[in-house]
Amino acid sequence: MYKDILLSIDLGNAEGEVNTLQTAVDYARSFGSRLHVMTVVPDYGMSIVGGFFPKEHEQQALQHAKAALHDFTKAHVPDEIKHRHIVGHGSIYREILRYADLVKADLIVLSASRPGPEDYLIGPNAARVVRHASISVLVVR
């Protein structure tokens, strides 16, 4: 049913993402799917905040995210599960949707943190992915 599953994780909360990863692994095992494990490094370069970081900050952040993603999957994804690593850069929900199209994913799996009062006004990334995705989305709590 699901050939390609895109799993988006927040490495800033890696321990909180283990349950979501295990859910995606169970789906991949059940359907013989390939797992595309991704994380997104936000883009601060275009905002006023970007001026406070050294110019090599984004490249270092991307390299750090790539290494951390590999370490995370090595620790939690069994060897028999075919998987690949993706590090996006920019708007989190837009990168998730973009890569879902690029890898021709059949399912997006992501976690949802507990909503805070601010989420009701601007909406969390998970809500935006659910709202705009053209494929099924599994939100793991």
N, C-alpha and C. Protein backbone atom coordinates (compact mmCIF):
# COMPACT_ATOMS: atom_id res chain seq x y z
N MET A 1 0.81 -1.19 0.00
CA MET A 1 0.00 0.00 0.00
C MET A 1 0.86 1.26 0.00
N TYR A 2 1.90 1.29 0.82
CA TYR A 2 2.80 2.44 0.88
C TYR A 2 4.18 2.01 0.42
N LYS A 3 4.61 2.54 -0.72
CA LYS A 3 5.93 2.19 -1.26
C LYS A 3 7.03 3.08 -0.69
N ASP A 4 6.74 4.36 -0.57
CA ASP A 4 7.70 5.34 -0.07
C ASP A 4 7.06 6.16 1.03
N ILE A 5 7.70 6.13 2.20
CA ILE A 5 7.19 6.86 3.37
C ILE A 5 8.19 7.95 3.72
N LEU A 6 7.69 9.18 3.81
CA LEU A 6 8.52 10.30 4.23
C LEU A 6 8.28 10.54 5.71
N LEU A 7 9.35 10.43 6.49
CA LEU A 7 9.29 10.66 7.93
C LEU A 7 10.04 11.94 8.24
N SER A 8 9.35 12.89 8.83
CA SER A 8 9.99 14.15 9.23
C SER A 8 10.19 14.14 10.74
N ILE A 9 11.44 14.39 11.16
CA ILE A 9 11.72 14.43 12.59
C ILE A 9 12.39 15.74 12.97
N ASP A 10 12.18 16.12 14.20
CA ASP A 10 12.79 17.32 14.77
C ASP A 10 13.97 16.86 15.61
N LEU A 11 15.18 17.07 15.12
CA LEU A 11 16.38 16.62 15.85
C LEU A 11 16.60 17.42 17.13
N GLY A 12 15.95 18.57 17.25
CA GLY A 12 16.02 19.33 18.50
C GLY A 12 15.30 18.64 19.63
N ASN A 13 14.44 17.68 19.28
CA ASN A 13 13.70 16.88 20.25
C ASN A 13 13.84 15.41 19.87
N ALA A 14 15.07 14.97 19.65
CA ALA A 14 15.33 13.63 19.12
C ALA A 14 14.73 12.53 19.99
N GLU A 15 14.87 12.64 21.29
CA GLU A 15 14.31 11.58 22.16
C GLU A 15 12.79 11.53 22.08
N GLY A 16 12.17 12.67 21.88
CA GLY A 16 10.72 12.71 21.73
C GLY A 16 10.25 12.18 20.39
N GLU A 17 11.16 12.03 19.44
CA GLU A 17 10.82 11.56 18.11
C GLU A 17 10.95 10.05 17.94
N VAL A 18 11.47 9.36 18.95
CA VAL A 18 11.70 7.91 18.82
C VAL A 18 10.40 7.17 18.57
N ASN A 19 9.33 7.53 19.26
CA ASN A 19 8.04 6.86 19.06
C ASN A 19 7.54 7.06 17.63
N THR A 20 7.70 8.25 17.10
CA THR A 20 7.27 8.53 15.73
C THR A 20 8.10 7.71 14.75
N LEU A 21 9.40 7.65 14.98
CA LEU A 21 10.28 6.86 14.12
C LEU A 21 9.89 5.38 14.17
N GLN A 22 9.63 4.87 15.35
CA GLN A 22 9.25 3.46 15.48
C GLN A 22 7.94 3.16 14.76
N THR A 23 7.02 4.11 14.79
CA THR A 23 5.76 3.95 14.06
C THR A 23 6.02 3.86 12.56
N ALA A 24 6.88 4.75 12.06
CA ALA A 24 7.22 4.74 10.63
C ALA A 24 7.95 3.45 10.26
N VAL A 25 8.84 2.98 11.13
CA VAL A 25 9.55 1.73 10.88
C VAL A 25 8.57 0.56 10.81
N ASP A 26 7.58 0.54 11.71
CA ASP A 26 6.56 -0.51 11.69
C ASP A 26 5.78 -0.50 10.37
N TYR A 27 5.41 0.68 9.92
CA TYR A 27 4.72 0.80 8.63
C TYR A 27 5.63 0.31 7.49
N ALA A 28 6.88 0.75 7.49
CA ALA A 28 7.82 0.35 6.44
C ALA A 28 8.01 -1.17 6.43
N ARG A 29 8.12 -1.75 7.60
CA ARG A 29 8.28 -3.20 7.70
C ARG A 29 7.03 -3.91 7.19
N SER A 30 5.86 -3.43 7.58
CA SER A 30 4.60 -4.07 7.19
C SER A 30 4.36 -4.03 5.69
N PHE A 31 4.71 -2.92 5.06
CA PHE A 31 4.42 -2.74 3.64
C PHE A 31 5.63 -2.93 2.73
N GLY A 32 6.81 -3.20 3.30
CA GLY A 32 8.01 -3.33 2.50
C GLY A 32 8.40 -2.00 1.86
N SER A 33 8.15 -0.93 2.58
CA SER A 33 8.38 0.43 2.05
C SER A 33 9.81 0.89 2.25
N ARG A 34 10.18 1.89 1.46
CA ARG A 34 11.44 2.60 1.69
C ARG A 34 11.10 3.81 2.54
N LEU A 35 11.95 4.06 3.52
CA LEU A 35 11.75 5.16 4.46
C LEU A 35 12.69 6.31 4.09
N HIS A 36 12.13 7.48 3.93
CA HIS A 36 12.89 8.69 3.65
C HIS A 36 12.85 9.52 4.93
N VAL A 37 13.93 9.51 5.68
CA VAL A 37 13.98 10.18 6.98
C VAL A 37 14.55 11.57 6.77
N MET A 38 13.77 12.58 7.15
CA MET A 38 14.23 13.94 6.90
C MET A 38 14.14 14.81 8.15
N THR A 39 14.98 15.81 8.16
CA THR A 39 14.90 16.88 9.14
C THR A 39 15.09 18.17 8.37
N VAL A 40 14.64 19.27 8.95
CA VAL A 40 14.72 20.56 8.26
C VAL A 40 15.46 21.56 9.13
N VAL A 41 16.43 22.21 8.54
CA VAL A 41 17.16 23.29 9.19
C VAL A 41 16.47 24.59 8.76
N PRO A 42 15.93 25.35 9.71
CA PRO A 42 15.25 26.60 9.34
C PRO A 42 16.21 27.58 8.67
N ASP A 43 15.67 28.42 7.82
CA ASP A 43 16.45 29.43 7.11
C ASP A 43 16.29 30.77 7.83
N TYR A 44 17.37 31.22 8.46
CA TYR A 44 17.34 32.51 9.15
C TYR A 44 18.04 33.59 8.34
N GLY A 45 18.62 33.23 7.22
CA GLY A 45 19.43 34.16 6.45
C GLY A 45 18.67 35.34 5.87
N MET A 46 17.40 35.16 5.56
CA MET A 46 16.65 36.22 4.92
C MET A 46 15.98 37.16 5.92
N SER A 47 15.96 36.80 7.17
CA SER A 47 15.28 37.65 8.14
C SER A 47 16.28 38.56 8.85
N ILE A 48 15.77 39.45 9.64
CA ILE A 48 16.63 40.35 10.41
C ILE A 48 17.50 39.55 11.38
N VAL A 49 17.01 38.38 11.80
CA VAL A 49 17.75 37.52 12.71
C VAL A 49 19.04 37.03 12.06
N GLY A 50 19.03 36.82 10.74
CA GLY A 50 20.19 36.30 10.03
C GLY A 50 21.44 37.15 10.21
N GLY A 51 21.28 38.43 10.44
CA GLY A 51 22.43 39.31 10.62
C GLY A 51 23.21 39.05 11.89
N PHE A 52 22.64 38.33 12.82
CA PHE A 52 23.29 38.05 14.08
C PHE A 52 24.16 36.79 14.04
N PHE A 53 24.09 36.03 12.95
CA PHE A 53 24.86 34.81 12.81
C PHE A 53 26.02 35.02 11.86
N PRO A 54 27.15 34.31 12.08
CA PRO A 54 28.24 34.39 11.10
C PRO A 54 27.76 33.80 9.77
N LYS A 55 28.37 34.22 8.67
CA LYS A 55 27.86 33.79 7.36
C LYS A 55 28.00 32.29 7.13
N GLU A 56 28.93 31.63 7.80
CA GLU A 56 29.08 30.17 7.62
C GLU A 56 28.14 29.38 8.54
N HIS A 57 27.33 30.06 9.32
CA HIS A 57 26.44 29.40 10.28
C HIS A 57 25.49 28.40 9.61
N GLU A 58 24.86 28.79 8.51
CA GLU A 58 23.90 27.90 7.86
C GLU A 58 24.57 26.63 7.35
N GLN A 59 25.73 26.75 6.73
CA GLN A 59 26.44 25.58 6.22
C GLN A 59 26.83 24.65 7.36
N GLN A 60 27.29 25.21 8.46
CA GLN A 60 27.64 24.40 9.63
C GLN A 60 26.40 23.72 10.21
N ALA A 61 25.30 24.44 10.24
CA ALA A 61 24.05 23.87 10.75
C ALA A 61 23.59 22.70 9.88
N LEU A 62 23.71 22.84 8.57
CA LEU A 62 23.33 21.76 7.66
C LEU A 62 24.23 20.53 7.84
N GLN A 63 25.53 20.75 7.98
CA GLN A 63 26.45 19.64 8.20
C GLN A 63 26.18 18.95 9.53
N HIS A 64 25.92 19.74 10.56
CA HIS A 64 25.61 19.18 11.87
C HIS A 64 24.31 18.36 11.82
N ALA A 65 23.30 18.88 11.13
CA ALA A 65 22.03 18.17 11.01
C ALA A 65 22.20 16.86 10.27
N LYS A 66 23.01 16.87 9.22
CA LYS A 66 23.25 15.63 8.45
C LYS A 66 23.91 14.57 9.33
N ALA A 67 24.94 14.97 10.08
CA ALA A 67 25.63 14.01 10.97
C ALA A 67 24.69 13.51 12.07
N ALA A 68 23.91 14.41 12.64
CA ALA A 68 22.99 14.03 13.72
C ALA A 68 21.89 13.11 13.19
N LEU A 69 21.42 13.36 11.97
CA LEU A 69 20.39 12.51 11.38
C LEU A 69 20.92 11.10 11.13
N HIS A 70 22.13 11.00 10.63
CA HIS A 70 22.75 9.69 10.41
C HIS A 70 22.93 8.95 11.74
N ASP A 71 23.39 9.65 12.77
CA ASP A 71 23.55 9.02 14.09
C ASP A 71 22.21 8.54 14.64
N PHE A 72 21.18 9.37 14.48
CA PHE A 72 19.86 9.04 15.00
C PHE A 72 19.29 7.79 14.31
N THR A 73 19.40 7.73 12.99
CA THR A 73 18.86 6.57 12.29
C THR A 73 19.70 5.32 12.55
N LYS A 74 21.00 5.50 12.69
CA LYS A 74 21.86 4.34 13.00
C LYS A 74 21.45 3.71 14.32
N ALA A 75 21.07 4.53 15.26
CA ALA A 75 20.67 4.05 16.59
C ALA A 75 19.25 3.47 16.62
N HIS A 76 18.37 3.90 15.70
CA HIS A 76 16.96 3.55 15.85
C HIS A 76 16.31 2.86 14.65
N VAL A 77 16.96 2.83 13.49
CA VAL A 77 16.36 2.17 12.32
C VAL A 77 17.06 0.84 12.11
N PRO A 78 16.30 -0.26 12.14
CA PRO A 78 16.92 -1.57 11.92
C PRO A 78 17.54 -1.68 10.53
N ASP A 79 18.57 -2.50 10.43
CA ASP A 79 19.32 -2.64 9.18
C ASP A 79 18.46 -3.12 8.01
N GLU A 80 17.43 -3.91 8.29
CA GLU A 80 16.64 -4.47 7.18
C GLU A 80 15.69 -3.44 6.56
N ILE A 81 15.52 -2.29 7.18
CA ILE A 81 14.64 -1.24 6.64
C ILE A 81 15.44 -0.37 5.68
N LYS A 82 15.02 -0.36 4.42
CA LYS A 82 15.69 0.50 3.44
C LYS A 82 15.33 1.94 3.77
N HIS A 83 16.36 2.75 3.91
CA HIS A 83 16.10 4.16 4.23
C HIS A 83 17.16 5.07 3.65
N ARG A 84 16.80 6.33 3.54
CA ARG A 84 17.73 7.35 3.08
C ARG A 84 17.56 8.57 3.97
N HIS A 85 18.52 9.46 3.89
CA HIS A 85 18.54 10.66 4.74
C HIS A 85 18.34 11.90 3.88
N ILE A 86 17.53 12.82 4.40
CA ILE A 86 17.29 14.08 3.70
C ILE A 86 17.39 15.21 4.73
N VAL A 87 18.18 16.24 4.39
CA VAL A 87 18.24 17.43 5.22
C VAL A 87 17.70 18.58 4.38
N GLY A 88 16.54 19.07 4.76
CA GLY A 88 15.94 20.21 4.08
C GLY A 88 16.43 21.51 4.70
N HIS A 89 16.18 22.60 4.00
CA HIS A 89 16.62 23.91 4.47
C HIS A 89 15.59 24.94 4.08
N GLY A 90 14.97 25.57 5.06
CA GLY A 90 13.98 26.59 4.77
C GLY A 90 12.78 26.46 5.67
N SER A 91 11.62 26.74 5.12
CA SER A 91 10.36 26.64 5.85
C SER A 91 10.06 25.16 6.10
N ILE A 92 9.81 24.81 7.33
CA ILE A 92 9.68 23.39 7.69
C ILE A 92 8.56 22.72 6.92
N TYR A 93 7.35 23.24 6.99
CA TYR A 93 6.25 22.54 6.34
C TYR A 93 6.40 22.56 4.81
N ARG A 94 6.94 23.64 4.26
CA ARG A 94 7.13 23.68 2.81
C ARG A 94 8.16 22.66 2.35
N GLU A 95 9.23 22.50 3.12
CA GLU A 95 10.26 21.51 2.78
C GLU A 95 9.71 20.09 2.86
N ILE A 96 8.89 19.83 3.87
CA ILE A 96 8.27 18.50 3.99
C ILE A 96 7.42 18.21 2.76
N LEU A 97 6.59 19.16 2.39
CA LEU A 97 5.72 18.97 1.23
C LEU A 97 6.51 18.87 -0.07
N ARG A 98 7.57 19.66 -0.19
CA ARG A 98 8.41 19.63 -1.39
C ARG A 98 9.09 18.26 -1.54
N TYR A 99 9.65 17.76 -0.45
CA TYR A 99 10.33 16.46 -0.53
C TYR A 99 9.34 15.31 -0.69
N ALA A 100 8.14 15.45 -0.16
CA ALA A 100 7.13 14.42 -0.39
C ALA A 100 6.86 14.28 -1.88
N ASP A 101 6.80 15.40 -2.58
CA ASP A 101 6.62 15.36 -4.04
C ASP A 101 7.86 14.81 -4.74
N LEU A 102 9.05 15.26 -4.31
CA LEU A 102 10.29 14.82 -4.96
C LEU A 102 10.51 13.32 -4.87
N VAL A 103 10.25 12.74 -3.71
CA VAL A 103 10.49 11.30 -3.54
C VAL A 103 9.26 10.46 -3.90
N LYS A 104 8.20 11.16 -4.32
CA LYS A 104 6.94 10.50 -4.68
C LYS A 104 6.42 9.65 -3.52
N ALA A 105 6.41 10.27 -2.34
CA ALA A 105 5.95 9.56 -1.13
C ALA A 105 4.47 9.25 -1.22
N ASP A 106 4.11 8.13 -0.61
CA ASP A 106 2.70 7.72 -0.51
C ASP A 106 2.11 8.12 0.83
N LEU A 107 2.99 8.38 1.79
CA LEU A 107 2.56 8.69 3.16
C LEU A 107 3.61 9.59 3.81
N ILE A 108 3.14 10.58 4.56
CA ILE A 108 4.01 11.42 5.38
C ILE A 108 3.73 11.06 6.83
N VAL A 109 4.79 10.82 7.59
CA VAL A 109 4.66 10.54 9.02
C VAL A 109 5.41 11.63 9.76
N LEU A 110 4.75 12.24 10.73
CA LEU A 110 5.40 13.26 11.56
C LEU A 110 4.75 13.29 12.92
N SER A 111 5.44 13.93 13.85
CA SER A 111 4.90 14.02 15.20
C SER A 111 4.27 15.38 15.41
N ALA A 112 3.43 15.44 16.41
CA ALA A 112 2.80 16.71 16.78
C ALA A 112 3.08 16.95 18.25
N SER A 113 3.66 18.08 18.51
CA SER A 113 3.86 18.44 19.92
C SER A 113 2.54 18.95 20.46
N ARG A 114 2.47 19.06 21.75
CA ARG A 114 1.25 19.60 22.34
C ARG A 114 1.07 21.04 21.88
N PRO A 115 -0.11 21.36 21.40
CA PRO A 115 -0.31 22.73 20.93
C PRO A 115 -0.32 23.73 22.07
N GLY A 116 0.29 24.84 21.82
CA GLY A 116 0.24 25.95 22.77
C GLY A 116 -0.74 26.98 22.28
N PRO A 117 -1.02 28.00 23.06
CA PRO A 117 -1.98 29.03 22.64
C PRO A 117 -1.59 29.70 21.32
N GLU A 118 -0.28 29.85 21.08
CA GLU A 118 0.14 30.50 19.84
C GLU A 118 -0.14 29.66 18.61
N ASP A 119 -0.25 28.33 18.78
CA ASP A 119 -0.51 27.45 17.65
C ASP A 119 -1.92 27.63 17.09
N TYR A 120 -2.84 28.10 17.92
CA TYR A 120 -4.19 28.29 17.43
C TYR A 120 -4.29 29.50 16.50
N LEU A 121 -3.33 30.40 16.58
CA LEU A 121 -3.35 31.58 15.72
C LEU A 121 -2.59 31.34 14.41
N ILE A 122 -1.38 30.77 14.49
CA ILE A 122 -0.58 30.61 13.28
C ILE A 122 -0.54 29.18 12.78
N GLY A 123 -0.89 28.22 13.62
CA GLY A 123 -0.89 26.81 13.22
C GLY A 123 0.48 26.19 13.23
N PRO A 124 0.62 25.02 13.84
CA PRO A 124 1.91 24.33 13.86
C PRO A 124 2.22 23.74 12.48
N ASN A 125 3.47 23.38 12.30
CA ASN A 125 3.89 22.80 11.01
C ASN A 125 3.09 21.55 10.67
N ALA A 126 2.81 20.72 11.67
CA ALA A 126 2.03 19.50 11.39
C ALA A 126 0.67 19.84 10.81
N ALA A 127 0.01 20.84 11.35
CA ALA A 127 -1.31 21.22 10.84
C ALA A 127 -1.21 21.73 9.40
N ARG A 128 -0.15 22.46 9.10
CA ARG A 128 0.02 22.96 7.74
C ARG A 128 0.30 21.83 6.76
N VAL A 129 1.09 20.85 7.18
CA VAL A 129 1.36 19.70 6.32
C VAL A 129 0.06 18.95 6.06
N VAL A 130 -0.70 18.70 7.11
CA VAL A 130 -1.97 17.99 6.95
C VAL A 130 -2.90 18.75 6.02
N ARG A 131 -2.97 20.04 6.19
CA ARG A 131 -3.88 20.87 5.40
C ARG A 131 -3.49 20.92 3.92
N HIS A 132 -2.20 20.94 3.62
CA HIS A 132 -1.76 21.15 2.24
C HIS A 132 -1.28 19.90 1.51
N ALA A 133 -1.10 18.81 2.19
CA ALA A 133 -0.57 17.60 1.55
C ALA A 133 -1.60 17.00 0.60
N SER A 134 -1.09 16.45 -0.49
CA SER A 134 -1.97 15.78 -1.46
C SER A 134 -1.98 14.27 -1.22
N ILE A 135 -1.25 13.82 -0.20
CA ILE A 135 -1.21 12.39 0.15
C ILE A 135 -1.60 12.24 1.63
N SER A 136 -1.73 11.01 2.07
CA SER A 136 -2.09 10.76 3.47
C SER A 136 -0.99 11.20 4.41
N VAL A 137 -1.38 11.68 5.57
CA VAL A 137 -0.45 12.13 6.60
C VAL A 137 -0.83 11.44 7.90
N LEU A 138 0.15 10.82 8.53
CA LEU A 138 -0.04 10.20 9.83
C LEU A 138 0.65 11.06 10.86
N VAL A 139 -0.13 11.62 11.79
CA VAL A 139 0.42 12.46 12.85
C VAL A 139 0.45 11.61 14.11
N VAL A 140 1.66 11.42 14.64
CA VAL A 140 1.86 10.57 15.81
C VAL A 140 1.99 11.46 17.04
N ARG A 141 1.22 11.18 18.04
CA ARG A 141 1.29 11.93 19.31
C ARG A 141 2.07 11.11 20.30
